[in-house]
Amino acid sequence: MQNRFAARRDRLIATLREKQLDAFLVTNFTNVTYLTGFSGDDSWLLVSDGQVRMISDSRYTEQLREECPDLSCEIRNAGVDIIDSLKTTLGEFGFSGRVALGVEAGSMTLCEAERIREKLGTAELIPEPDQIERLREIKDEQEIQAIRESLACAMDGFKRIREQMKPGWTEVDIRNNLEYEMRKCGADDRGFPTIAASGFRAALPHAVPTPDHHVGEAELFLIDWGAKKNFYISDLTRVLITTDKPSDLLREVYQTVLDAQKKAIAAIRPGVMAKDVDAMARNHIADAGYGDAFGHGLGHGLGLLVHDRGSFRPGVTTLLQPGMVLTVEPGIYLPGWGGVRIEDDILVTESGCEVLSAGFPKEFDEMFL
């Protein structure tokens, strides 16, 4: 269990050598988790070539022993500033004069940076805004397995709630019961706030569920949900058809979105630019006459965060690499009528891609409630 975290830290240490940094201070709690397996917060990780130490406080002494038995820890008591503990640790690492200290400029506040400069004096803070995020973009086997398990919880929870759903349930009912069912299926938590939107409210890509709108009051019901399992998150969207006689518009919009998604997924393989995958779906939707109704990116990275590093959007020239996990979620949103979004989670493989949620129903005729 611990070897994978040590291997991740070794990858970070290799970048320190390349950039001629003496040490790297990890203050983003998600990145601390990625490098250590620690599930708590309020803790920093100091990494140098040959030495690693967690800087935490007495609330987490036993938790650190359980979760990170291989880590050296600096445990501070109440009243001791974490920056004072950082200064102590740097001294014990042998840095008594100037130290080139890499910091997470993308998440560290200006206030924190100024306080570190004041207290450390000789430290030169080198901004590295996404150093660890770049490492996280390529998932290892344990991460991919965790996403698979998270997806299983999300899909099983949805299957259960779909069997229970009936006309009259509110958007809030759907949200609450789905999140409960995911936990019953083994999820540690929901991956993010569940979106449940009836009819015209599905035109809001991030609709917040309300108790005022119900299953059956319109011909469609959109649900965007995910689970969290062993730190990792899944993300799916499906549209249920809640009438026996769907309109021609619903059939047309749904099939357009589904075909756009399939075209995009078929284009995913190593070496392809992210923007070109986005264009496959975007052009298909535009050719069908709905170009102005698809305003967001085609997808985003997925991992420890629901919106992790990486995306399918116009202008993104990132080349896909094996181990990347991203969503593919085209949508068409028509104010006053509703919206259709279909989302699956995709792993880039050596030869192409794998739909991690493969087999989960999404064809039009499979979506009747």
Foldseek 3Di string as FASTA:
>chain_A
DQVQLVVLLVVVQVVCVVVVFQKEKAQPVLLVCSNAVQPDHPWIWIDGVPAIEIEHEPVCPVVCCVRGVPHHYHYDYPPDDSLNSVLVVCVVVPPPAAGEYEYQVQPDDPVVVVVNCVVNVRYDYDYDNCSSLVVVQFADPVQVVQQLLFVVLLLQLVVVVVVVDDWPAFQVNSQVSSQVSSVVSPFPGWQDRKDKDPWLQQLPVRRHTDRPDTQPPAQKMKIWTTTGGSLWIFIWIAIFGRDPDDDPVVVLQLVLQVVLLVQLQQPFAFFDFLQVSQCSSLVSCVVSPQNVQWDDFQKAWTTSHRRGHDGRHHPGGDTDDARGKMKGWTKGRDRPTHMGIGIFIWGHHNGGIDGSNPPRDHPPVVRYD
